[in-house]
Amino acid sequence: MNSVIQGDPVRHRTEGWTGTVAETPSKLANHAWVNRTSSDPYPELVLLEDLELAD
């Protein structure tokens, strides 16, 4: 995945969990802050290559 924007629904490619992008990464960043849809209240930093857009 090359770019995501805040609010995009995403899925982790290998772990299968889903969430939404909490903050739009800069153009040079290879990570994004993602809020999981589970009960975890804090976003986590995830490699963009591990994410795909969720339907």
Protein backbone atom coordinates (compact mmCIF):
# COMPACT_ATOMS: atom_id res chain seq x y z
CA MET A 1 0.00 0.00 0.00
CA ASN A 2 1.54 3.30 -1.05
CA SER A 3 -0.65 5.75 0.79
CA VAL A 4 -3.57 5.92 3.16
CA ILE A 5 -5.46 8.86 4.58
CA GLN A 6 -7.04 9.43 7.96
CA GLY A 7 -10.27 7.45 8.32
CA ASP A 8 -9.44 4.78 5.70
CA PRO A 9 -10.63 1.30 6.74
CA VAL A 10 -7.67 -1.10 6.68
CA ARG A 11 -6.90 -4.77 7.31
CA HIS A 12 -3.61 -6.24 8.51
CA ARG A 13 -2.35 -8.59 5.76
CA THR A 14 -0.96 -11.34 8.01
CA GLU A 15 -2.79 -10.97 11.33
CA GLY A 16 -6.24 -10.31 9.81
CA TRP A 17 -7.41 -7.62 12.22
CA THR A 18 -9.18 -4.52 10.93
CA GLY A 19 -9.17 -0.89 11.93
CA THR A 20 -9.09 2.67 10.68
CA VAL A 21 -6.18 4.99 9.98
CA ALA A 22 -5.86 7.37 12.94
CA GLU A 23 -3.44 9.79 11.33
CA THR A 24 -2.36 10.37 7.75
CA PRO A 25 1.34 9.51 7.46
CA SER A 26 3.76 11.90 5.78
CA LYS A 27 4.77 11.13 2.20
CA LEU A 28 8.13 9.76 3.40
CA ALA A 29 6.71 7.61 6.18
CA ASN A 30 6.48 3.86 5.82
CA HIS A 31 4.22 3.48 8.86
CA ALA A 32 0.71 4.62 9.77
CA TRP A 33 -1.05 5.00 13.10
CA VAL A 34 -4.02 2.63 13.11
CA ASN A 35 -6.92 2.31 15.56
CA ARG A 36 -7.98 -1.33 15.76
CA THR A 37 -11.71 -1.95 15.79
CA SER A 38 -11.26 -4.10 18.90
CA SER A 39 -11.44 -2.64 22.39
CA ASP A 40 -7.86 -1.31 22.35
CA PRO A 41 -8.29 2.46 22.83
CA TYR A 42 -4.82 3.45 21.62
CA PRO A 43 -3.60 3.53 18.01
CA GLU A 44 -0.58 1.47 17.06
CA LEU A 45 2.18 2.12 14.54
CA VAL A 46 1.96 -0.34 11.64
CA LEU A 47 4.12 -0.75 8.52
CA LEU A 48 2.22 0.35 5.41
CA GLU A 49 3.35 -2.83 3.61
CA ASP A 50 1.44 -4.85 6.26
CA LEU A 51 -1.83 -3.04 5.51
CA GLU A 52 -4.44 -3.30 2.78
CA LEU A 53 -7.64 -1.35 2.29
CA ALA A 54 -10.64 -3.12 3.83
CA ASP A 55 -13.92 -3.39 1.96
